Amino acid sequence: MALTSADVQHIADLADLSLTPAEIEQFTRELGAVLEHVTQLAELDTSQIELTTHVGVLQMPLRPDIVRPGLSQEAALAEAPRVGPGAFAVPKFVDEG
């Protein structure tokens, strides 16, 4: 099944996109080429390929933990618009009563 300009317009409508006639023509060609490639991939014989059981990384690469100097409490609070005793002051947003 070939992709038509009406198909592209329908997809654009679903995505709430406004396309010019030139853009519709361009995307009809480009999306048609993508679909043709997917069709070619679907025709490949994959019966001898082992199934993928997972797509995640088995072990994440870790960087060494290195202690580095951070901000002092005074430096961290220096630019805050509101501070309390040794902390940032934020407005209440939860009704406690």
PDB file of N, CA and C in Angstrom:
ATOM      1  N   MET A   1       0.848  -1.185   0.000  1.00  0.00           N
ATOM      2  CA  MET A   1       0.000   0.000   0.000  1.00  0.00           C
ATOM      3  C   MET A   1       0.890   1.244   0.000  1.00  0.00           C
ATOM      4  N   ALA A   2       0.720   2.073  -0.970  1.00  0.00           N
ATOM      5  CA  ALA A   2       1.509   3.302  -1.085  1.00  0.00           C
ATOM      6  C   ALA A   2       0.876   4.392  -0.222  1.00  0.00           C
ATOM      7  N   LEU A   3       1.719   5.240   0.306  1.00  0.00           N
ATOM      8  CA  LEU A   3       1.266   6.357   1.124  1.00  0.00           C
ATOM      9  C   LEU A   3       0.775   7.465   0.201  1.00  0.00           C
ATOM     10  N   THR A   4      -0.373   8.015   0.491  1.00  0.00           N
ATOM     11  CA  THR A   4      -0.932   9.086  -0.332  1.00  0.00           C
ATOM     12  C   THR A   4      -0.855  10.416   0.406  1.00  0.00           C
ATOM     13  N   SER A   5      -1.064  11.502  -0.326  1.00  0.00           N
ATOM     14  CA  SER A   5      -1.062  12.813   0.311  1.00  0.00           C
ATOM     15  C   SER A   5      -2.225  12.940   1.289  1.00  0.00           C
ATOM     16  N   ALA A   6      -3.323  12.225   1.022  1.00  0.00           N
ATOM     17  CA  ALA A   6      -4.452  12.231   1.958  1.00  0.00           C
ATOM     18  C   ALA A   6      -4.052  11.559   3.275  1.00  0.00           C
ATOM     19  N   ASP A   7      -3.232  10.495   3.191  1.00  0.00           N
ATOM     20  CA  ASP A   7      -2.738   9.842   4.406  1.00  0.00           C
ATOM     21  C   ASP A   7      -1.881  10.805   5.218  1.00  0.00           C
ATOM     22  N   VAL A   8      -1.006  11.527   4.545  1.00  0.00           N
ATOM     23  CA  VAL A   8      -0.134  12.485   5.224  1.00  0.00           C
ATOM     24  C   VAL A   8      -0.969  13.602   5.847  1.00  0.00           C
ATOM     25  N   GLN A   9      -1.967  14.072   5.135  1.00  0.00           N
ATOM     26  CA  GLN A   9      -2.841  15.120   5.687  1.00  0.00           C
ATOM     27  C   GLN A   9      -3.573  14.600   6.915  1.00  0.00           C
ATOM     28  N   HIS A  10      -4.021  13.349   6.886  1.00  0.00           N
ATOM     29  CA  HIS A  10      -4.715  12.745   8.026  1.00  0.00           C
ATOM     30  C   HIS A  10      -3.772  12.656   9.233  1.00  0.00           C
ATOM     31  N   ILE A  11      -2.532  12.234   8.995  1.00  0.00           N
ATOM     32  CA  ILE A  11      -1.538  12.147  10.078  1.00  0.00           C
ATOM     33  C   ILE A  11      -1.262  13.535  10.641  1.00  0.00           C
ATOM     34  N   ALA A  12      -1.140  14.520   9.763  1.00  0.00           N
ATOM     35  CA  ALA A  12      -0.908  15.898  10.208  1.00  0.00           C
ATOM     36  C   ALA A  12      -2.080  16.396  11.045  1.00  0.00           C
ATOM     37  N   ASP A  13      -3.293  16.068  10.630  1.00  0.00           N
ATOM     38  CA  ASP A  13      -4.482  16.470  11.399  1.00  0.00           C
ATOM     39  C   ASP A  13      -4.474  15.824  12.783  1.00  0.00           C
ATOM     40  N   LEU A  14      -4.107  14.540  12.840  1.00  0.00           N
ATOM     41  CA  LEU A  14      -4.047  13.855  14.133  1.00  0.00           C
ATOM     42  C   LEU A  14      -3.014  14.487  15.058  1.00  0.00           C
ATOM     43  N   ALA A  15      -1.921  14.969  14.485  1.00  0.00           N
ATOM     44  CA  ALA A  15      -0.854  15.602  15.264  1.00  0.00           C
ATOM     45  C   ALA A  15      -1.089  17.102  15.436  1.00  0.00           C
ATOM     46  N   ASP A  16      -2.219  17.604  14.949  1.00  0.00           N
ATOM     47  CA  ASP A  16      -2.569  19.015  15.024  1.00  0.00           C
ATOM     48  C   ASP A  16      -1.484  19.884  14.386  1.00  0.00           C
ATOM     49  N   LEU A  17      -1.036  19.459  13.184  1.00  0.00           N
ATOM     50  CA  LEU A  17      -0.027  20.192  12.431  1.00  0.00           C
ATOM     51  C   LEU A  17      -0.660  20.818  11.200  1.00  0.00           C
ATOM     52  N   SER A  18      -0.252  22.020  10.889  1.00  0.00           N
ATOM     53  CA  SER A  18      -0.680  22.680   9.656  1.00  0.00           C
ATOM     54  C   SER A  18       0.451  22.549   8.651  1.00  0.00           C
ATOM     55  N   LEU A  19       0.186  21.868   7.549  1.00  0.00           N
ATOM     56  CA  LEU A  19       1.206  21.672   6.519  1.00  0.00           C
ATOM     57  C   LEU A  19       0.788  22.374   5.236  1.00  0.00           C
ATOM     58  N   THR A  20       1.784  22.943   4.566  1.00  0.00           N
ATOM     59  CA  THR A  20       1.537  23.545   3.259  1.00  0.00           C
ATOM     60  C   THR A  20       1.452  22.411   2.228  1.00  0.00           C
ATOM     61  N   PRO A  21       0.896  22.682   1.059  1.00  0.00           N
ATOM     62  CA  PRO A  21       0.875  21.653   0.016  1.00  0.00           C
ATOM     63  C   PRO A  21       2.269  21.138  -0.336  1.00  0.00           C
ATOM     64  N   ALA A  22       3.270  22.015  -0.315  1.00  0.00           N
ATOM     65  CA  ALA A  22       4.646  21.580  -0.608  1.00  0.00           C
ATOM     66  C   ALA A  22       5.158  20.640   0.479  1.00  0.00           C
ATOM     67  N   GLU A  23       4.819  20.939   1.742  1.00  0.00           N
ATOM     68  CA  GLU A  23       5.241  20.066   2.840  1.00  0.00           C
ATOM     69  C   GLU A  23       4.536  18.713   2.765  1.00  0.00           C
ATOM     70  N   ILE A  24       3.277  18.714   2.395  1.00  0.00           N
ATOM     71  CA  ILE A  24       2.544  17.456   2.254  1.00  0.00           C
ATOM     72  C   ILE A  24       3.188  16.596   1.172  1.00  0.00           C
ATOM     73  N   GLU A  25       3.547  17.205   0.064  1.00  0.00           N
ATOM     74  CA  GLU A  25       4.217  16.477  -1.020  1.00  0.00           C
ATOM     75  C   GLU A  25       5.557  15.919  -0.556  1.00  0.00           C
ATOM     76  N   GLN A  26       6.328  16.761   0.151  1.00  0.00           N
ATOM     77  CA  GLN A  26       7.640  16.329   0.647  1.00  0.00           C
ATOM     78  C   GLN A  26       7.498  15.172   1.634  1.00  0.00           C
ATOM     79  N   PHE A  27       6.576  15.300   2.601  1.00  0.00           N
ATOM     80  CA  PHE A  27       6.413  14.246   3.606  1.00  0.00           C
ATOM     81  C   PHE A  27       5.816  12.978   3.004  1.00  0.00           C
ATOM     82  N   THR A  28       5.024  13.114   1.962  1.00  0.00           N
ATOM     83  CA  THR A  28       4.503  11.924   1.289  1.00  0.00           C
ATOM     84  C   THR A  28       5.655  11.112   0.713  1.00  0.00           C
ATOM     85  N   ARG A  29       6.605  11.797   0.073  1.00  0.00           N
ATOM     86  CA  ARG A  29       7.786  11.101  -0.461  1.00  0.00           C
ATOM     87  C   ARG A  29       8.632  10.510   0.662  1.00  0.00           C
ATOM     88  N   GLU A  30       8.945  11.326   1.679  1.00  0.00           N
ATOM     89  CA  GLU A  30       9.845  10.886   2.735  1.00  0.00           C
ATOM     90  C   GLU A  30       9.251   9.765   3.584  1.00  0.00           C
ATOM     91  N   LEU A  31       8.005   9.919   3.994  1.00  0.00           N
ATOM     92  CA  LEU A  31       7.371   8.859   4.787  1.00  0.00           C
ATOM     93  C   LEU A  31       7.143   7.608   3.953  1.00  0.00           C
ATOM     94  N   GLY A  32       6.869   7.788   2.667  1.00  0.00           N
ATOM     95  CA  GLY A  32       6.735   6.638   1.777  1.00  0.00           C
ATOM     96  C   GLY A  32       8.029   5.849   1.696  1.00  0.00           C
ATOM     97  N   ALA A  33       9.161   6.560   1.651  1.00  0.00           N
ATOM     98  CA  ALA A  33      10.468   5.890   1.613  1.00  0.00           C
ATOM     99  C   ALA A  33      10.725   5.131   2.912  1.00  0.00           C
ATOM    100  N   VAL A  34      10.328   5.706   4.040  1.00  0.00           N
ATOM    101  CA  VAL A  34      10.497   5.026   5.328  1.00  0.00           C
ATOM    102  C   VAL A  34       9.655   3.757   5.359  1.00  0.00           C
ATOM    103  N   LEU A  35       8.408   3.862   4.939  1.00  0.00           N
ATOM    104  CA  LEU A  35       7.531   2.694   4.935  1.00  0.00           C
ATOM    105  C   LEU A  35       8.034   1.620   3.974  1.00  0.00           C
ATOM    106  N   GLU A  36       8.589   2.031   2.853  1.00  0.00           N
ATOM    107  CA  GLU A  36       9.160   1.068   1.903  1.00  0.00           C
ATOM    108  C   GLU A  36      10.331   0.325   2.550  1.00  0.00           C
ATOM    109  N   HIS A  37      11.153   1.048   3.278  1.00  0.00           N
ATOM    110  CA  HIS A  37      12.289   0.425   3.959  1.00  0.00           C
ATOM    111  C   HIS A  37      11.804  -0.559   5.026  1.00  0.00           C
ATOM    112  N   VAL A  38      10.787  -0.185   5.778  1.00  0.00           N
ATOM    113  CA  VAL A  38      10.231  -1.080   6.798  1.00  0.00           C
ATOM    114  C   VAL A  38       9.657  -2.331   6.139  1.00  0.00           C
ATOM    115  N   THR A  39       9.031  -2.178   5.000  1.00  0.00           N
ATOM    116  CA  THR A  39       8.497  -3.330   4.267  1.00  0.00           C
ATOM    117  C   THR A  39       9.627  -4.262   3.850  1.00  0.00           C
ATOM    118  N   GLN A  40      10.745  -3.693   3.392  1.00  0.00           N
ATOM    119  CA  GLN A  40      11.899  -4.511   3.031  1.00  0.00           C
ATOM    120  C   GLN A  40      12.448  -5.249   4.246  1.00  0.00           C
ATOM    121  N   LEU A  41      12.479  -4.596   5.391  1.00  0.00           N
ATOM    122  CA  LEU A  41      12.962  -5.239   6.612  1.00  0.00           C
ATOM    123  C   LEU A  41      12.041  -6.386   7.024  1.00  0.00           C
ATOM    124  N   ALA A  42      10.754  -6.197   6.837  1.00  0.00           N
ATOM    125  CA  ALA A  42       9.788  -7.231   7.212  1.00  0.00           C
ATOM    126  C   ALA A  42       9.951  -8.483   6.357  1.00  0.00           C
ATOM    127  N   GLU A  43      10.511  -8.340   5.170  1.00  0.00           N
ATOM    128  CA  GLU A  43      10.690  -9.483   4.270  1.00  0.00           C
ATOM    129  C   GLU A  43      11.933 -10.309   4.597  1.00  0.00           C
ATOM    130  N   LEU A  44      12.797  -9.807   5.491  1.00  0.00           N
ATOM    131  CA  LEU A  44      14.022 -10.526   5.826  1.00  0.00           C
ATOM    132  C   LEU A  44      13.703 -11.797   6.616  1.00  0.00           C
ATOM    133  N   ASP A  45      14.494 -12.842   6.365  1.00  0.00           N
ATOM    134  CA  ASP A  45      14.351 -14.092   7.103  1.00  0.00           C
ATOM    135  C   ASP A  45      15.127 -13.964   8.414  1.00  0.00           C
ATOM    136  N   THR A  46      14.407 -13.900   9.509  1.00  0.00           N
ATOM    137  CA  THR A  46      15.036 -13.764  10.825  1.00  0.00           C
ATOM    138  C   THR A  46      14.886 -15.036  11.657  1.00  0.00           C
ATOM    139  N   SER A  47      14.548 -16.134  11.004  1.00  0.00           N
ATOM    140  CA  SER A  47      14.298 -17.373  11.742  1.00  0.00           C
ATOM    141  C   SER A  47      15.553 -17.917  12.424  1.00  0.00           C
ATOM    142  N   GLN A  48      16.732 -17.582  11.922  1.00  0.00           N
ATOM    143  CA  GLN A  48      17.975 -18.083  12.522  1.00  0.00           C
ATOM    144  C   GLN A  48      18.602 -17.108  13.516  1.00  0.00           C
ATOM    145  N   ILE A  49      17.920 -16.019  13.785  1.00  0.00           N
ATOM    146  CA  ILE A  49      18.454 -15.008  14.705  1.00  0.00           C
ATOM    147  C   ILE A  49      17.859 -15.237  16.089  1.00  0.00           C
ATOM    148  N   GLU A  50      18.746 -15.283  17.094  1.00  0.00           N
ATOM    149  CA  GLU A  50      18.303 -15.507  18.463  1.00  0.00           C
ATOM    150  C   GLU A  50      17.437 -14.345  18.928  1.00  0.00           C
ATOM    151  N   LEU A  51      16.363 -14.672  19.640  1.00  0.00           N
ATOM    152  CA  LEU A  51      15.455 -13.656  20.136  1.00  0.00           C
ATOM    153  C   LEU A  51      16.141 -12.777  21.174  1.00  0.00           C
ATOM    154  N   THR A  52      15.780 -11.530  21.184  1.00  0.00           N
ATOM    155  CA  THR A  52      16.290 -10.610  22.181  1.00  0.00           C
ATOM    156  C   THR A  52      15.411 -10.727  23.413  1.00  0.00           C
ATOM    157  N   THR A  53      16.019 -11.067  24.542  1.00  0.00           N
ATOM    158  CA  THR A  53      15.226 -11.230  25.763  1.00  0.00           C
ATOM    159  C   THR A  53      15.117  -9.940  26.548  1.00  0.00           C
ATOM    160  N   HIS A  54      16.010  -8.996  26.296  1.00  0.00           N
ATOM    161  CA  HIS A  54      15.969  -7.719  26.995  1.00  0.00           C
ATOM    162  C   HIS A  54      16.683  -6.678  26.133  1.00  0.00           C
ATOM    163  N   VAL A  55      16.343  -5.438  26.379  1.00  0.00           N
ATOM    164  CA  VAL A  55      16.995  -4.365  25.641  1.00  0.00           C
ATOM    165  C   VAL A  55      17.737  -3.418  26.567  1.00  0.00           C
ATOM    166  N   GLY A  56      17.708  -3.700  27.855  1.00  0.00           N
ATOM    167  CA  GLY A  56      18.371  -2.835  28.818  1.00  0.00           C
ATOM    168  C   GLY A  56      19.844  -3.171  28.969  1.00  0.00           C
ATOM    169  N   VAL A  57      20.548  -2.289  29.593  1.00  0.00           N
ATOM    170  CA  VAL A  57      21.957  -2.494  29.887  1.00  0.00           C
ATOM    171  C   VAL A  57      22.053  -3.385  31.115  1.00  0.00           C
ATOM    172  N   LEU A  58      22.855  -4.444  31.036  1.00  0.00           N
ATOM    173  CA  LEU A  58      22.967  -5.368  32.158  1.00  0.00           C
ATOM    174  C   LEU A  58      23.683  -4.745  33.344  1.00  0.00           C
ATOM    175  N   GLN A  59      24.693  -3.957  33.087  1.00  0.00           N
ATOM    176  CA  GLN A  59      25.414  -3.314  34.175  1.00  0.00           C
ATOM    177  C   GLN A  59      25.792  -1.915  33.726  1.00  0.00           C
ATOM    178  N   MET A  60      25.439  -0.956  34.553  1.00  0.00           N
ATOM    179  CA  MET A  60      25.752   0.426  34.216  1.00  0.00           C
ATOM    180  C   MET A  60      27.224   0.710  34.506  1.00  0.00           C
ATOM    181  N   PRO A  61      27.890   1.423  33.617  1.00  0.00           N
ATOM    182  CA  PRO A  61      29.267   1.810  33.915  1.00  0.00           C
ATOM    183  C   PRO A  61      29.256   2.830  35.049  1.00  0.00           C
ATOM    184  N   LEU A  62      30.124   2.636  35.988  1.00  0.00           N
ATOM    185  CA  LEU A  62      30.173   3.526  37.144  1.00  0.00           C
ATOM    186  C   LEU A  62      31.448   4.352  37.111  1.00  0.00           C
ATOM    187  N   ARG A  63      31.346   5.556  37.589  1.00  0.00           N
ATOM    188  CA  ARG A  63      32.534   6.372  37.723  1.00  0.00           C
ATOM    189  C   ARG A  63      32.966   6.280  39.175  1.00  0.00           C
ATOM    190  N   PRO A  64      34.228   6.491  39.439  1.00  0.00           N
ATOM    191  CA  PRO A  64      34.682   6.421  40.822  1.00  0.00           C
ATOM    192  C   PRO A  64      34.108   7.575  41.641  1.00  0.00           C
ATOM    193  N   ASP A  65      33.787   7.291  42.899  1.00  0.00           N
ATOM    194  CA  ASP A  65      33.318   8.339  43.803  1.00  0.00           C
ATOM    195  C   ASP A  65      34.518   9.137  44.279  1.00  0.00           C
ATOM    196  N   ILE A  66      34.519  10.400  43.939  1.00  0.00           N
ATOM    197  CA  ILE A  66      35.617  11.282  44.336  1.00  0.00           C
ATOM    198  C   ILE A  66      35.014  12.435  45.131  1.00  0.00           C
ATOM    199  N   VAL A  67      35.499  12.626  46.331  1.00  0.00           N
ATOM    200  CA  VAL A  67      35.021  13.728  47.155  1.00  0.00           C
ATOM    201  C   VAL A  67      35.581  15.024  46.591  1.00  0.00           C
ATOM    202  N   ARG A  68      34.684  15.956  46.334  1.00  0.00           N
ATOM    203  CA  ARG A  68      35.077  17.257  45.809  1.00  0.00           C
ATOM    204  C   ARG A  68      34.509  18.336  46.710  1.00  0.00           C
ATOM    205  N   PRO A  69      35.173  19.459  46.793  1.00  0.00           N
ATOM    206  CA  PRO A  69      34.641  20.518  47.654  1.00  0.00           C
ATOM    207  C   PRO A  69      33.315  21.033  47.117  1.00  0.00           C
ATOM    208  N   GLY A  70      32.415  21.323  48.023  1.00  0.00           N
ATOM    209  CA  GLY A  70      31.114  21.861  47.655  1.00  0.00           C
ATOM    210  C   GLY A  70      30.960  23.265  48.213  1.00  0.00           C
ATOM    211  N   LEU A  71      29.746  23.779  48.151  1.00  0.00           N
ATOM    212  CA  LEU A  71      29.471  25.110  48.685  1.00  0.00           C
ATOM    213  C   LEU A  71      29.346  25.042  50.197  1.00  0.00           C
ATOM    214  N   SER A  72      29.777  26.084  50.832  1.00  0.00           N
ATOM    215  CA  SER A  72      29.516  26.194  52.271  1.00  0.00           C
ATOM    216  C   SER A  72      28.050  26.567  52.440  1.00  0.00           C
ATOM    217  N   GLN A  73      27.533  26.378  53.636  1.00  0.00           N
ATOM    218  CA  GLN A  73      26.136  26.720  53.896  1.00  0.00           C
ATOM    219  C   GLN A  73      25.903  28.209  53.641  1.00  0.00           C
ATOM    220  N   GLU A  74      26.844  29.029  54.052  1.00  0.00           N
ATOM    221  CA  GLU A  74      26.700  30.472  53.864  1.00  0.00           C
ATOM    222  C   GLU A  74      26.668  30.833  52.375  1.00  0.00           C
ATOM    223  N   ALA A  75      27.531  30.209  51.582  1.00  0.00           N
ATOM    224  CA  ALA A  75      27.564  30.506  50.144  1.00  0.00           C
ATOM    225  C   ALA A  75      26.288  30.027  49.460  1.00  0.00           C
ATOM    226  N   ALA A  76      25.774  28.878  49.870  1.00  0.00           N
ATOM    227  CA  ALA A  76      24.557  28.346  49.256  1.00  0.00           C
ATOM    228  C   ALA A  76      23.360  29.239  49.564  1.00  0.00           C
ATOM    229  N   LEU A  77      23.299  29.778  50.754  1.00  0.00           N
ATOM    230  CA  LEU A  77      22.160  30.599  51.161  1.00  0.00           C
ATOM    231  C   LEU A  77      22.305  32.070  50.782  1.00  0.00           C
ATOM    232  N   ALA A  78      23.489  32.468  50.333  1.00  0.00           N
ATOM    233  CA  ALA A  78      23.760  33.883  50.072  1.00  0.00           C
ATOM    234  C   ALA A  78      22.837  34.487  49.020  1.00  0.00           C
ATOM    235  N   GLU A  79      22.487  33.759  47.986  1.00  0.00           N
ATOM    236  CA  GLU A  79      21.667  34.304  46.901  1.00  0.00           C
ATOM    237  C   GLU A  79      20.189  33.925  47.017  1.00  0.00           C
ATOM    238  N   ALA A  80      19.806  33.216  48.063  1.00  0.00           N
ATOM    239  CA  ALA A  80      18.412  32.787  48.213  1.00  0.00           C
ATOM    240  C   ALA A  80      17.522  33.987  48.523  1.00  0.00           C
ATOM    241  N   PRO A  81      16.322  34.038  47.942  1.00  0.00           N
ATOM    242  CA  PRO A  81      15.439  35.170  48.213  1.00  0.00           C
ATOM    243  C   PRO A  81      14.935  35.183  49.654  1.00  0.00           C
ATOM    244  N   ARG A  82      14.772  33.991  50.257  1.00  0.00           N
ATOM    245  CA  ARG A  82      14.316  33.900  51.646  1.00  0.00           C
ATOM    246  C   ARG A  82      15.075  32.772  52.316  1.00  0.00           C
ATOM    247  N   VAL A  83      15.531  33.036  53.531  1.00  0.00           N
ATOM    248  CA  VAL A  83      16.230  31.998  54.286  1.00  0.00           C
ATOM    249  C   VAL A  83      15.650  31.928  55.681  1.00  0.00           C
ATOM    250  N   GLY A  84      15.748  30.738  56.262  1.00  0.00           N
ATOM    251  CA  GLY A  84      15.376  30.525  57.651  1.00  0.00           C
ATOM    252  C   GLY A  84      16.643  30.247  58.425  1.00  0.00           C
ATOM    253  N   PRO A  85      16.522  29.701  59.605  1.00  0.00           N
ATOM    254  CA  PRO A  85      17.724  29.396  60.386  1.00  0.00           C
ATOM    255  C   PRO A  85      18.516  28.253  59.742  1.00  0.00           C
ATOM    256  N   GLY A  86      19.501  28.622  58.928  1.00  0.00           N
ATOM    257  CA  GLY A  86      20.378  27.635  58.302  1.00  0.00           C
ATOM    258  C   GLY A  86      19.753  26.863  57.160  1.00  0.00           C
ATOM    259  N   ALA A  87      18.677  27.390  56.538  1.00  0.00           N
ATOM    260  CA  ALA A  87      17.995  26.652  55.468  1.00  0.00           C
ATOM    261  C   ALA A  87      17.292  27.627  54.532  1.00  0.00           C
ATOM    262  N   PHE A  88      16.899  27.122  53.367  1.00  0.00           N
ATOM    263  CA  PHE A  88      16.076  27.894  52.451  1.00  0.00           C
ATOM    264  C   PHE A  88      14.677  27.993  53.047  1.00  0.00           C
ATOM    265  N   ALA A  89      14.046  29.146  52.925  1.00  0.00           N
ATOM    266  CA  ALA A  89      12.675  29.317  53.394  1.00  0.00           C
ATOM    267  C   ALA A  89      11.756  29.244  52.181  1.00  0.00           C
ATOM    268  N   VAL A  90      10.763  28.382  52.267  1.00  0.00           N
ATOM    269  CA  VAL A  90       9.800  28.224  51.179  1.00  0.00           C
ATOM    270  C   VAL A  90       8.402  28.423  51.736  1.00  0.00           C
ATOM    271  N   PRO A  91       7.486  28.900  50.900  1.00  0.00           N
ATOM    272  CA  PRO A  91       6.119  29.104  51.401  1.00  0.00           C
ATOM    273  C   PRO A  91       5.425  27.774  51.670  1.00  0.00           C
ATOM    274  N   LYS A  92       4.513  27.796  52.641  1.00  0.00           N
ATOM    275  CA  LYS A  92       3.728  26.595  52.923  1.00  0.00           C
ATOM    276  C   LYS A  92       2.768  26.351  51.766  1.00  0.00           C
ATOM    277  N   PHE A  93       2.580  25.077  51.446  1.00  0.00           N
ATOM    278  CA  PHE A  93       1.608  24.767  50.402  1.00  0.00           C
ATOM    279  C   PHE A  93       0.720  23.599  50.816  1.00  0.00           C
ATOM    280  N   VAL A  94       0.951  23.064  51.996  1.00  0.00           N
ATOM    281  CA  VAL A  94       0.119  21.962  52.484  1.00  0.00           C
ATOM    282  C   VAL A  94      -0.635  22.449  53.715  1.00  0.00           C
ATOM    283  N   ASP A  95      -1.928  22.238  53.718  1.00  0.00           N
ATOM    284  CA  ASP A  95      -2.740  22.632  54.853  1.00  0.00           C
ATOM    285  C   ASP A  95      -2.498  21.632  55.982  1.00  0.00           C
ATOM    286  N   GLU A  96      -1.962  22.119  57.076  1.00  0.00           N
ATOM    287  CA  GLU A  96      -1.638  21.233  58.191  1.00  0.00           C
ATOM    288  C   GLU A  96      -2.806  21.108  59.167  1.00  0.00           C
ATOM    289  N   GLY A  97      -3.895  21.814  58.951  1.00  0.00           N
ATOM    290  CA  GLY A  97      -4.985  21.788  59.915  1.00  0.00           C
ATOM    291  C   GLY A  97      -6.095  21.049  59.393  1.00  0.00           C
TER     292      GLY A  97
END
